[in-house]
């Protein structure tokens, strides 16, 4: 299967599409990489340095449902038909994809199958699923600063899952730990230095 950035570029910019996009349409792109693909695509809008408001909570709910299924050992994701048929404007999705493709290309440049047991074994997938579930809960907190880094953790962890690259997934777990620390600090302490930590993480990934 072609690289994810090329698939998204082709599907959303090079082929004629209807004015609205359904989650079911995006799922059709996934092929055999269903869980990793969905986690990457759903976390992308909130993982961008300037996320679009209004999408973190609904997308985080879907991510959480998928993460629970990954933890339970499901081979294929299941979502309620209402979620599958939920629509977004094509222009909105194209905006997310256009902003996210450079990030995807950076990770694709270093991705390769390694430490694959982290992404393919049941224990490994359970651990990844638990972390993704916790980060999705952080994304649901309606407080500024509690969704970007956790979403980045999901994005990176899931890209490793997508490519069977355990090293990238481990990097995503590290970002997730940082994201959890930032979220806890914002919720319980509100320390201003946490915003500086967020900027530092973004500069490392940029």
N, C-alpha and C. Protein backbone atom coordinates (compact mmCIF):
# COMPACT_ATOMS: atom_id res chain seq x y z
N UNK A 1 0.84 -1.20 0.00
CA UNK A 1 0.00 0.00 0.00
C UNK A 1 0.87 1.25 0.00
N UNK A 2 0.46 2.29 -0.71
CA UNK A 2 1.23 3.51 -0.81
C UNK A 2 1.34 4.19 0.55
N UNK A 3 2.30 5.10 0.66
CA UNK A 3 2.44 5.84 1.91
C UNK A 3 1.16 6.60 2.21
N UNK A 4 0.90 6.77 3.50
CA UNK A 4 -0.34 7.41 3.93
C UNK A 4 -0.46 8.83 3.37
N UNK A 5 0.63 9.57 3.36
CA UNK A 5 0.56 10.94 2.84
C UNK A 5 0.15 10.97 1.38
N UNK A 6 0.65 10.01 0.60
CA UNK A 6 0.29 9.94 -0.82
C UNK A 6 -1.17 9.52 -1.00
N UNK A 7 -1.61 8.58 -0.16
CA UNK A 7 -3.00 8.13 -0.23
C UNK A 7 -3.96 9.28 0.08
N UNK A 8 -3.65 10.03 1.12
CA UNK A 8 -4.52 11.15 1.49
C UNK A 8 -4.49 12.26 0.44
N UNK A 9 -3.29 12.53 -0.10
CA UNK A 9 -3.17 13.53 -1.15
C UNK A 9 -4.01 13.15 -2.36
N UNK A 10 -3.91 11.90 -2.76
CA UNK A 10 -4.67 11.43 -3.93
C UNK A 10 -6.16 11.50 -3.68
N UNK A 11 -6.57 10.98 -2.52
CA UNK A 11 -8.00 10.84 -2.26
C UNK A 11 -8.69 12.19 -2.10
N UNK A 12 -8.04 13.12 -1.39
CA UNK A 12 -8.72 14.37 -1.06
C UNK A 12 -8.41 15.53 -2.00
N UNK A 13 -7.36 15.41 -2.80
CA UNK A 13 -6.99 16.54 -3.64
C UNK A 13 -6.91 16.21 -5.13
N UNK A 14 -6.71 14.96 -5.47
CA UNK A 14 -6.52 14.62 -6.88
C UNK A 14 -7.72 13.92 -7.50
N UNK A 15 -8.65 13.47 -6.68
CA UNK A 15 -9.85 12.82 -7.18
C UNK A 15 -11.07 13.68 -6.84
N UNK A 16 -12.08 13.59 -7.67
CA UNK A 16 -13.30 14.37 -7.43
C UNK A 16 -14.08 13.76 -6.27
N UNK A 17 -14.46 14.61 -5.31
CA UNK A 17 -15.16 14.16 -4.12
C UNK A 17 -16.46 14.94 -3.96
N UNK A 18 -17.38 14.37 -3.19
CA UNK A 18 -18.60 15.08 -2.86
C UNK A 18 -18.30 16.19 -1.86
N UNK A 19 -19.28 17.04 -1.59
CA UNK A 19 -19.05 18.21 -0.74
C UNK A 19 -18.87 17.86 0.72
N UNK A 20 -19.28 16.65 1.12
CA UNK A 20 -19.11 16.20 2.49
C UNK A 20 -18.45 14.83 2.52
N UNK A 21 -17.69 14.56 3.58
CA UNK A 21 -16.96 13.31 3.73
C UNK A 21 -17.47 12.58 4.96
N UNK A 22 -17.72 11.30 4.83
CA UNK A 22 -18.15 10.48 5.96
C UNK A 22 -16.96 9.67 6.48
N UNK A 23 -17.03 9.31 7.76
CA UNK A 23 -15.99 8.46 8.35
C UNK A 23 -15.90 7.14 7.61
N UNK A 24 -17.02 6.64 7.15
CA UNK A 24 -17.02 5.39 6.38
C UNK A 24 -16.21 5.51 5.11
N UNK A 25 -16.23 6.70 4.49
CA UNK A 25 -15.43 6.92 3.28
C UNK A 25 -13.94 6.84 3.60
N UNK A 26 -13.56 7.47 4.72
CA UNK A 26 -12.15 7.46 5.11
C UNK A 26 -11.71 6.05 5.47
N UNK A 27 -12.60 5.29 6.12
CA UNK A 27 -12.28 3.92 6.51
C UNK A 27 -11.96 3.06 5.30
N UNK A 28 -12.60 3.36 4.18
CA UNK A 28 -12.38 2.59 2.96
C UNK A 28 -10.94 2.72 2.47
N UNK A 29 -10.24 3.77 2.89
CA UNK A 29 -8.84 3.96 2.49
C UNK A 29 -7.88 3.08 3.28
N UNK A 30 -8.32 2.59 4.41
CA UNK A 30 -7.40 2.01 5.38
C UNK A 30 -6.80 0.68 4.95
N UNK A 31 -7.51 -0.09 4.14
CA UNK A 31 -7.01 -1.41 3.77
C UNK A 31 -6.93 -2.31 4.99
N UNK A 32 -5.77 -2.92 5.20
CA UNK A 32 -5.58 -3.83 6.33
C UNK A 32 -5.07 -3.10 7.57
N UNK A 33 -4.80 -1.82 7.45
CA UNK A 33 -4.17 -1.08 8.56
C UNK A 33 -5.21 -0.29 9.33
N UNK A 34 -6.32 -0.92 9.66
CA UNK A 34 -7.50 -0.21 10.11
C UNK A 34 -7.27 0.61 11.38
N UNK A 35 -6.81 -0.03 12.46
CA UNK A 35 -6.70 0.68 13.73
C UNK A 35 -5.69 1.82 13.64
N UNK A 36 -4.48 1.51 13.19
CA UNK A 36 -3.46 2.54 13.10
C UNK A 36 -3.89 3.69 12.21
N UNK A 37 -4.49 3.36 11.08
CA UNK A 37 -4.95 4.38 10.14
C UNK A 37 -5.97 5.30 10.79
N UNK A 38 -6.98 4.73 11.44
CA UNK A 38 -8.03 5.54 12.05
C UNK A 38 -7.49 6.41 13.17
N UNK A 39 -6.62 5.85 14.01
CA UNK A 39 -6.04 6.65 15.10
C UNK A 39 -5.27 7.85 14.54
N UNK A 40 -4.47 7.60 13.51
CA UNK A 40 -3.68 8.68 12.91
C UNK A 40 -4.58 9.77 12.36
N UNK A 41 -5.57 9.38 11.56
CA UNK A 41 -6.45 10.35 10.91
C UNK A 41 -7.28 11.12 11.93
N UNK A 42 -7.80 10.43 12.94
CA UNK A 42 -8.67 11.08 13.92
C UNK A 42 -7.91 11.98 14.89
N UNK A 43 -6.65 11.65 15.16
CA UNK A 43 -5.87 12.49 16.08
C UNK A 43 -5.22 13.66 15.37
N UNK A 44 -5.11 13.59 14.04
CA UNK A 44 -4.39 14.62 13.29
C UNK A 44 -4.90 16.03 13.53
N UNK A 45 -6.22 16.30 13.44
CA UNK A 45 -6.67 17.69 13.62
C UNK A 45 -6.24 18.30 14.96
N UNK A 46 -6.32 17.53 16.03
CA UNK A 46 -5.95 18.06 17.35
C UNK A 46 -4.46 18.06 17.58
N UNK A 47 -3.70 17.27 16.80
CA UNK A 47 -2.25 17.20 16.97
C UNK A 47 -1.53 18.33 16.27
N UNK A 48 -2.22 19.03 15.37
CA UNK A 48 -1.60 20.14 14.65
C UNK A 48 -1.30 21.28 15.61
N UNK A 49 -0.25 22.07 15.34
CA UNK A 49 0.11 23.18 16.23
C UNK A 49 -1.02 24.18 16.44
N UNK A 50 -1.88 24.33 15.44
CA UNK A 50 -3.04 25.22 15.59
C UNK A 50 -4.29 24.40 15.30
N UNK A 51 -4.74 23.57 16.26
CA UNK A 51 -5.88 22.69 16.02
C UNK A 51 -7.17 23.46 15.80
N UNK A 52 -8.05 22.88 15.01
CA UNK A 52 -9.36 23.49 14.78
C UNK A 52 -10.26 23.19 15.97
N UNK A 53 -10.91 24.21 16.51
CA UNK A 53 -11.79 23.99 17.67
C UNK A 53 -13.03 23.20 17.29
N UNK A 54 -13.55 22.48 18.28
CA UNK A 54 -14.82 21.79 18.06
C UNK A 54 -14.70 20.34 17.66
N UNK A 55 -13.48 19.88 17.37
CA UNK A 55 -13.32 18.51 16.90
C UNK A 55 -12.63 17.59 17.91
N UNK A 56 -11.93 18.16 18.88
CA UNK A 56 -11.16 17.32 19.80
C UNK A 56 -12.06 16.34 20.56
N UNK A 57 -13.16 16.84 21.13
CA UNK A 57 -13.99 15.97 21.97
C UNK A 57 -14.68 14.87 21.16
N UNK A 58 -15.39 15.19 20.05
CA UNK A 58 -16.03 14.10 19.30
C UNK A 58 -15.03 13.10 18.73
N UNK A 59 -13.89 13.59 18.23
CA UNK A 59 -12.89 12.68 17.70
C UNK A 59 -12.28 11.85 18.82
N UNK A 60 -12.08 12.46 20.00
CA UNK A 60 -11.51 11.74 21.14
C UNK A 60 -12.44 10.62 21.59
N UNK A 61 -13.74 10.84 21.52
CA UNK A 61 -14.70 9.79 21.89
C UNK A 61 -14.57 8.59 20.95
N UNK A 62 -14.44 8.87 19.67
CA UNK A 62 -14.27 7.79 18.70
C UNK A 62 -12.95 7.07 18.95
N UNK A 63 -11.88 7.83 19.19
CA UNK A 63 -10.57 7.22 19.47
C UNK A 63 -10.65 6.32 20.69
N UNK A 64 -11.34 6.79 21.74
CA UNK A 64 -11.48 5.98 22.96
C UNK A 64 -12.19 4.67 22.66
N UNK A 65 -13.28 4.71 21.91
CA UNK A 65 -14.02 3.49 21.57
C UNK A 65 -13.13 2.52 20.79
N UNK A 66 -12.33 3.04 19.88
CA UNK A 66 -11.43 2.20 19.10
C UNK A 66 -10.31 1.63 19.97
N UNK A 67 -9.79 2.45 20.90
CA UNK A 67 -8.72 1.99 21.78
C UNK A 67 -9.18 0.84 22.66
N UNK A 68 -10.41 0.92 23.16
CA UNK A 68 -10.96 -0.18 23.97
C UNK A 68 -11.02 -1.46 23.15
N UNK A 69 -11.40 -1.35 21.90
CA UNK A 69 -11.46 -2.53 21.05
C UNK A 69 -10.06 -3.10 20.79
N UNK A 70 -9.08 -2.21 20.62
CA UNK A 70 -7.70 -2.67 20.43
C UNK A 70 -7.22 -3.42 21.67
N UNK A 71 -7.55 -2.89 22.86
CA UNK A 71 -7.17 -3.54 24.11
C UNK A 71 -7.80 -4.92 24.22
N UNK A 72 -9.03 -5.05 23.74
CA UNK A 72 -9.76 -6.32 23.83
C UNK A 72 -9.34 -7.32 22.76
N UNK A 73 -8.41 -6.94 21.90
CA UNK A 73 -7.89 -7.86 20.90
C UNK A 73 -8.68 -7.93 19.61
N UNK A 74 -9.54 -6.97 19.37
CA UNK A 74 -10.33 -6.97 18.13
C UNK A 74 -9.41 -6.85 16.93
N UNK A 75 -9.75 -7.56 15.88
CA UNK A 75 -8.98 -7.51 14.64
C UNK A 75 -9.44 -6.39 13.72
N UNK A 76 -10.72 -6.09 13.78
CA UNK A 76 -11.29 -5.02 12.97
C UNK A 76 -12.10 -4.09 13.86
N UNK A 77 -12.00 -2.80 13.62
CA UNK A 77 -12.75 -1.84 14.46
C UNK A 77 -14.23 -1.86 14.14
N UNK A 78 -15.02 -1.56 15.15
CA UNK A 78 -16.46 -1.40 14.97
C UNK A 78 -16.88 -0.06 15.56
N UNK A 79 -17.73 0.66 14.83
CA UNK A 79 -18.27 1.91 15.31
C UNK A 79 -19.75 1.96 15.01
N UNK A 80 -20.54 2.62 15.83
CA UNK A 80 -21.98 2.75 15.55
C UNK A 80 -22.22 3.37 14.17
N UNK A 81 -23.27 2.96 13.54
CA UNK A 81 -23.57 3.44 12.19
C UNK A 81 -23.70 4.95 12.15
N UNK A 82 -24.21 5.54 13.23
CA UNK A 82 -24.34 6.99 13.28
C UNK A 82 -22.99 7.69 13.17
N UNK A 83 -21.97 7.12 13.83
CA UNK A 83 -20.63 7.68 13.72
C UNK A 83 -20.06 7.47 12.33
N UNK A 84 -20.27 6.29 11.78
CA UNK A 84 -19.75 5.98 10.46
C UNK A 84 -20.33 6.91 9.40
N UNK A 85 -21.58 7.33 9.60
CA UNK A 85 -22.25 8.18 8.61
C UNK A 85 -22.16 9.67 8.94
N UNK A 86 -21.47 10.00 10.04
CA UNK A 86 -21.30 11.41 10.37
C UNK A 86 -20.51 12.13 9.29
N UNK A 87 -20.92 13.33 8.97
CA UNK A 87 -20.33 14.05 7.84
C UNK A 87 -19.54 15.28 8.29
N UNK A 88 -18.49 15.56 7.52
CA UNK A 88 -17.74 16.79 7.67
C UNK A 88 -17.59 17.43 6.29
N UNK A 89 -17.50 18.74 6.28
CA UNK A 89 -17.31 19.42 5.00
C UNK A 89 -15.97 19.01 4.38
N UNK A 90 -15.99 18.80 3.08
CA UNK A 90 -14.77 18.42 2.38
C UNK A 90 -13.68 19.47 2.58
N UNK A 91 -14.05 20.75 2.53
CA UNK A 91 -13.06 21.81 2.70
C UNK A 91 -12.39 21.74 4.06
N UNK A 92 -13.15 21.39 5.09
CA UNK A 92 -12.58 21.27 6.44
C UNK A 92 -11.57 20.15 6.50
N UNK A 93 -11.94 18.99 5.96
CA UNK A 93 -11.04 17.84 5.96
C UNK A 93 -9.79 18.16 5.14
N UNK A 94 -9.96 18.78 4.02
CA UNK A 94 -8.80 19.14 3.18
C UNK A 94 -7.85 20.07 3.93
N UNK A 95 -8.42 20.98 4.74
CA UNK A 95 -7.57 21.86 5.53
C UNK A 95 -6.72 21.09 6.52
N UNK A 96 -7.33 20.11 7.22
CA UNK A 96 -6.59 19.27 8.15
C UNK A 96 -5.48 18.50 7.42
N UNK A 97 -5.86 17.88 6.31
CA UNK A 97 -4.92 17.04 5.57
C UNK A 97 -3.75 17.85 5.03
N UNK A 98 -4.06 19.03 4.48
CA UNK A 98 -3.00 19.88 3.92
C UNK A 98 -2.01 20.28 4.99
N UNK A 99 -2.51 20.62 6.17
CA UNK A 99 -1.62 21.02 7.27
C UNK A 99 -0.86 19.83 7.83
N UNK A 100 -1.46 18.64 7.76
CA UNK A 100 -0.84 17.47 8.38
C UNK A 100 0.11 16.70 7.50
N UNK A 101 0.00 16.83 6.18
CA UNK A 101 0.85 16.05 5.28
C UNK A 101 2.35 16.28 5.52
N UNK A 102 2.82 17.52 5.73
CA UNK A 102 4.26 17.68 6.03
C UNK A 102 4.70 16.91 7.26
N UNK A 103 3.83 16.84 8.30
CA UNK A 103 4.16 16.06 9.49
C UNK A 103 4.24 14.58 9.16
N UNK A 104 3.28 14.12 8.37
CA UNK A 104 3.28 12.71 7.97
C UNK A 104 4.55 12.37 7.19
N UNK A 105 4.93 13.24 6.30
CA UNK A 105 6.10 12.97 5.46
C UNK A 105 7.37 12.89 6.28
N UNK A 106 7.46 13.71 7.33
CA UNK A 106 8.64 13.66 8.20
C UNK A 106 8.74 12.31 8.90
N UNK A 107 7.62 11.81 9.39
CA UNK A 107 7.64 10.52 10.08
C UNK A 107 7.84 9.39 9.08
N UNK A 108 7.22 9.48 7.92
CA UNK A 108 7.37 8.44 6.89
C UNK A 108 8.81 8.29 6.46
N UNK A 109 9.57 9.38 6.50
CA UNK A 109 10.96 9.35 6.06
C UNK A 109 11.82 8.47 6.95
N UNK A 110 11.41 8.28 8.20
CA UNK A 110 12.23 7.47 9.11
C UNK A 110 11.54 6.16 9.50
N UNK A 111 10.30 5.97 9.05
CA UNK A 111 9.54 4.78 9.47
C UNK A 111 9.99 3.55 8.69
N UNK A 112 10.09 2.44 9.41
CA UNK A 112 10.37 1.14 8.80
C UNK A 112 10.03 0.07 9.83
N UNK A 113 9.72 -1.14 9.39
CA UNK A 113 9.41 -2.19 10.36
C UNK A 113 10.60 -2.49 11.27
N UNK A 114 10.43 -2.30 12.56
CA UNK A 114 11.45 -2.60 13.56
C UNK A 114 10.77 -2.72 14.91
N UNK A 115 11.31 -3.55 15.77
CA UNK A 115 10.66 -3.82 17.05
C UNK A 115 9.17 -4.07 16.84
N UNK A 116 8.87 -4.82 15.78
CA UNK A 116 7.48 -4.96 15.34
C UNK A 116 6.59 -5.65 16.36
N UNK A 117 7.19 -6.46 17.24
CA UNK A 117 6.39 -7.17 18.24
C UNK A 117 5.62 -6.19 19.13
N UNK A 118 6.14 -4.97 19.28
CA UNK A 118 5.44 -3.97 20.08
C UNK A 118 4.09 -3.63 19.46
N UNK A 119 4.03 -3.67 18.13
CA UNK A 119 2.82 -3.29 17.41
C UNK A 119 1.95 -4.48 17.01
N UNK A 120 2.53 -5.68 17.00
CA UNK A 120 1.80 -6.83 16.48
C UNK A 120 1.40 -7.84 17.55
N UNK A 121 2.14 -7.90 18.67
CA UNK A 121 1.80 -8.87 19.71
C UNK A 121 0.63 -8.36 20.54
N UNK A 122 -0.12 -9.27 21.14
CA UNK A 122 -1.26 -8.88 21.96
C UNK A 122 -0.84 -8.01 23.15
N UNK A 123 0.22 -8.39 23.91
CA UNK A 123 0.62 -7.52 25.02
C UNK A 123 1.00 -6.11 24.55
N UNK A 124 1.72 -6.04 23.43
CA UNK A 124 2.12 -4.74 22.92
C UNK A 124 0.93 -3.90 22.52
N UNK A 125 -0.03 -4.51 21.85
CA UNK A 125 -1.21 -3.77 21.40
C UNK A 125 -2.09 -3.35 22.59
N UNK A 126 -2.10 -4.18 23.64
CA UNK A 126 -2.84 -3.81 24.85
C UNK A 126 -2.22 -2.56 25.49
N UNK A 127 -0.90 -2.54 25.58
CA UNK A 127 -0.23 -1.37 26.17
C UNK A 127 -0.48 -0.14 25.32
N UNK A 128 -0.32 -0.26 24.01
CA UNK A 128 -0.57 0.88 23.13
C UNK A 128 -2.02 1.35 23.25
N UNK A 129 -2.93 0.39 23.29
CA UNK A 129 -4.34 0.74 23.41
C UNK A 129 -4.65 1.47 24.70
N UNK A 130 -4.04 1.03 25.81
CA UNK A 130 -4.27 1.70 27.10
C UNK A 130 -3.77 3.13 27.08
N UNK A 131 -2.59 3.33 26.50
CA UNK A 131 -2.04 4.69 26.43
C UNK A 131 -2.90 5.57 25.55
N UNK A 132 -3.32 5.04 24.40
CA UNK A 132 -4.16 5.82 23.49
C UNK A 132 -5.49 6.17 24.16
N UNK A 133 -6.05 5.22 24.90
CA UNK A 133 -7.31 5.48 25.61
C UNK A 133 -7.15 6.60 26.63
N UNK A 134 -6.06 6.56 27.40
CA UNK A 134 -5.82 7.60 28.41
C UNK A 134 -5.62 8.96 27.76
N UNK A 135 -4.90 8.98 26.64
CA UNK A 135 -4.67 10.25 25.95
C UNK A 135 -5.97 10.79 25.35
N UNK A 136 -6.84 9.89 24.90
CA UNK A 136 -8.12 10.35 24.36
C UNK A 136 -8.98 10.98 25.45
N UNK A 137 -8.88 10.44 26.67
CA UNK A 137 -9.61 11.04 27.80
C UNK A 137 -9.08 12.45 28.06
N UNK A 138 -7.76 12.62 27.98
CA UNK A 138 -7.18 13.95 28.16
C UNK A 138 -7.69 14.91 27.09
N UNK A 139 -7.86 14.41 25.87
CA UNK A 139 -8.37 15.25 24.78
C UNK A 139 -9.79 15.73 25.05
N UNK A 140 -10.53 14.98 25.87
CA UNK A 140 -11.92 15.34 26.16
C UNK A 140 -12.05 16.43 27.22
N UNK A 141 -10.97 16.71 27.94
CA UNK A 141 -11.03 17.72 29.00
C UNK A 141 -11.20 19.10 28.35
N UNK A 142 -12.26 19.81 28.67
CA UNK A 142 -12.54 21.09 28.01
C UNK A 142 -11.73 22.25 28.57
N UNK A 143 -10.41 22.06 28.66
CA UNK A 143 -9.52 23.10 29.15
C UNK A 143 -8.41 23.29 28.13
N UNK A 144 -8.13 24.52 27.71
CA UNK A 144 -7.05 24.75 26.74
C UNK A 144 -5.73 24.17 27.22
N UNK A 145 -5.01 23.53 26.30
CA UNK A 145 -3.71 22.97 26.62
C UNK A 145 -3.73 21.51 26.98
N UNK A 146 -4.91 20.92 27.13
CA UNK A 146 -4.98 19.51 27.55
C UNK A 146 -5.21 18.55 26.37
N UNK A 147 -5.21 19.05 25.15
CA UNK A 147 -5.49 18.14 24.04
C UNK A 147 -4.39 18.04 23.00
N UNK A 148 -3.60 19.10 22.79
CA UNK A 148 -2.64 19.08 21.68
C UNK A 148 -1.56 18.02 21.87
N UNK A 149 -0.84 18.06 23.00
CA UNK A 149 0.25 17.10 23.20
C UNK A 149 -0.28 15.67 23.34
N UNK A 150 -1.36 15.42 24.09
CA UNK A 150 -1.91 14.06 24.08
C UNK A 150 -2.29 13.58 22.68
N UNK A 151 -2.86 14.48 21.87
CA UNK A 151 -3.20 14.10 20.50
C UNK A 151 -1.94 13.79 19.70
N UNK A 152 -0.87 14.55 19.94
CA UNK A 152 0.40 14.26 19.28
C UNK A 152 0.93 12.89 19.71
N UNK A 153 0.76 12.57 21.00
CA UNK A 153 1.17 11.25 21.47
C UNK A 153 0.41 10.14 20.77
N UNK A 154 -0.90 10.32 20.62
CA UNK A 154 -1.71 9.34 19.89
C UNK A 154 -1.25 9.25 18.44
N UNK A 155 -1.05 10.40 17.82
CA UNK A 155 -0.65 10.45 16.41
C UNK A 155 0.64 9.67 16.18
N UNK A 156 1.67 9.93 16.99
CA UNK A 156 2.97 9.27 16.80
C UNK A 156 2.89 7.79 17.15
N UNK A 157 2.27 7.47 18.28
CA UNK A 157 2.11 6.07 18.68
C UNK A 157 1.39 5.28 17.60
N UNK A 158 0.33 5.87 17.06
CA UNK A 158 -0.49 5.18 16.07
C UNK A 158 0.21 5.05 14.73
N UNK A 159 1.06 6.02 14.41
CA UNK A 159 1.80 5.90 13.15
C UNK A 159 2.75 4.70 13.22
N UNK A 160 3.35 4.49 14.40
CA UNK A 160 4.16 3.29 14.57
C UNK A 160 3.33 2.04 14.42
N UNK A 161 2.12 2.04 14.98
CA UNK A 161 1.21 0.91 14.84
C UNK A 161 0.85 0.69 13.38
N UNK A 162 0.68 1.77 12.65
CA UNK A 162 0.33 1.70 11.24
C UNK A 162 1.44 1.06 10.42
N UNK A 163 2.69 1.38 10.76
CA UNK A 163 3.84 0.92 9.98
C UNK A 163 4.59 -0.24 10.62
N UNK A 164 4.03 -0.82 11.71
CA UNK A 164 4.73 -1.87 12.46
C UNK A 164 6.11 -1.41 12.91
N UNK A 165 6.21 -0.14 13.27
CA UNK A 165 7.48 0.44 13.71
C UNK A 165 7.39 0.68 15.22
N UNK A 166 7.88 -0.28 15.98
CA UNK A 166 7.81 -0.18 17.43
C UNK A 166 8.62 0.96 17.98
N UNK A 167 9.70 1.34 17.29
CA UNK A 167 10.53 2.45 17.77
C UNK A 167 9.74 3.76 17.75
N UNK A 168 8.99 3.98 16.67
CA UNK A 168 8.18 5.19 16.60
C UNK A 168 7.08 5.14 17.65
N UNK A 169 6.48 3.98 17.85
CA UNK A 169 5.43 3.87 18.88
C UNK A 169 5.99 4.18 20.26
N UNK A 170 7.22 3.73 20.54
CA UNK A 170 7.84 4.05 21.82
C UNK A 170 8.05 5.55 21.97
N UNK A 171 8.44 6.19 20.86
CA UNK A 171 8.55 7.65 20.89
C UNK A 171 7.22 8.30 21.19
N UNK A 172 6.15 7.73 20.62
CA UNK A 172 4.82 8.24 20.89
C UNK A 172 4.43 8.06 22.34
N UNK A 173 4.85 6.95 22.94
CA UNK A 173 4.56 6.73 24.36
C UNK A 173 5.26 7.77 25.23
N UNK A 174 6.48 8.14 24.85
CA UNK A 174 7.19 9.19 25.59
C UNK A 174 6.44 10.51 25.50
N UNK A 175 6.01 10.87 24.30
CA UNK A 175 5.25 12.11 24.13
C UNK A 175 3.96 12.05 24.93
N UNK A 176 3.35 10.86 24.99
CA UNK A 176 2.11 10.69 25.75
C UNK A 176 2.34 10.92 27.24
N UNK A 177 3.46 10.44 27.76
CA UNK A 177 3.79 10.66 29.17
C UNK A 177 3.93 12.16 29.44
N UNK A 178 4.62 12.85 28.53
CA UNK A 178 4.76 14.30 28.67
C UNK A 178 3.39 14.96 28.60
N UNK A 179 2.57 14.51 27.64
CA UNK A 179 1.23 15.08 27.50
C UNK A 179 0.39 14.87 28.75
N UNK A 180 0.48 13.67 29.33
CA UNK A 180 -0.26 13.40 30.56
C UNK A 180 0.20 14.31 31.69
N UNK A 181 1.51 14.53 31.78
CA UNK A 181 2.05 15.40 32.82
C UNK A 181 1.55 16.83 32.65
N UNK A 182 1.54 17.29 31.39
CA UNK A 182 1.06 18.65 31.11
C UNK A 182 -0.41 18.77 31.48
N UNK A 183 -1.21 17.79 31.07
CA UNK A 183 -2.64 17.83 31.35
C UNK A 183 -2.92 17.84 32.85
N UNK A 184 -2.22 16.97 33.58
CA UNK A 184 -2.41 16.91 35.03
C UNK A 184 -2.01 18.23 35.67
N UNK A 185 -0.90 18.79 35.20
CA UNK A 185 -0.45 20.07 35.75
C UNK A 185 -1.43 21.18 35.50
N UNK A 186 -1.99 21.23 34.27
CA UNK A 186 -2.96 22.27 33.95
C UNK A 186 -4.23 22.12 34.77
N UNK A 187 -4.71 20.87 34.90
CA UNK A 187 -5.96 20.64 35.61
C UNK A 187 -5.82 20.92 37.10
N UNK A 188 -4.71 20.47 37.70
CA UNK A 188 -4.59 20.54 39.15
C UNK A 188 -3.76 21.71 39.66
N UNK A 189 -2.84 22.19 38.83
CA UNK A 189 -1.94 23.23 39.33
C UNK A 189 -2.01 24.52 38.53
N UNK A 190 -2.27 24.42 37.24
CA UNK A 190 -2.34 25.62 36.41
C UNK A 190 -1.03 26.37 36.34
N UNK A 191 0.08 25.65 36.39
CA UNK A 191 1.40 26.30 36.39
C UNK A 191 1.70 26.83 34.99
N UNK A 192 2.09 28.08 34.89
CA UNK A 192 2.31 28.70 33.59
C UNK A 192 3.48 28.10 32.84
N UNK A 193 4.42 27.51 33.57
CA UNK A 193 5.59 26.94 32.90
C UNK A 193 5.21 25.78 31.98
N UNK A 194 4.03 25.20 32.21
CA UNK A 194 3.60 24.09 31.37
C UNK A 194 3.41 24.53 29.92
N UNK A 195 3.01 25.76 29.70
CA UNK A 195 2.87 26.24 28.33
C UNK A 195 4.23 26.30 27.65
N UNK A 196 5.28 26.60 28.41
CA UNK A 196 6.63 26.61 27.85
C UNK A 196 7.07 25.19 27.49
N UNK A 197 6.68 24.22 28.32
CA UNK A 197 6.98 22.82 28.03
C UNK A 197 6.30 22.39 26.74
N UNK A 198 5.05 22.83 26.56
CA UNK A 198 4.32 22.51 25.33
C UNK A 198 5.06 23.07 24.12
N UNK A 199 5.52 24.33 24.20
CA UNK A 199 6.24 24.94 23.09
C UNK A 199 7.54 24.19 22.81
N UNK A 200 8.18 23.70 23.87
CA UNK A 200 9.43 22.95 23.69
C UNK A 200 9.19 21.66 22.94
N UNK A 201 8.10 20.94 23.29
CA UNK A 201 7.78 19.69 22.59
C UNK A 201 7.46 19.96 21.13
N UNK A 202 6.70 21.02 20.86
CA UNK A 202 6.36 21.37 19.48
C UNK A 202 7.60 21.72 18.68
N UNK A 203 8.56 22.39 19.31
CA UNK A 203 9.79 22.75 18.59
C UNK A 203 10.62 21.52 18.27
N UNK A 204 10.61 20.53 19.16
CA UNK A 204 11.34 19.29 18.89
C UNK A 204 10.75 18.54 17.71
N UNK A 205 9.43 18.54 17.62
CA UNK A 205 8.74 17.80 16.55
C UNK A 205 8.64 18.60 15.27
N UNK A 206 8.90 19.90 15.33
CA UNK A 206 8.80 20.74 14.15
C UNK A 206 10.09 20.83 13.39
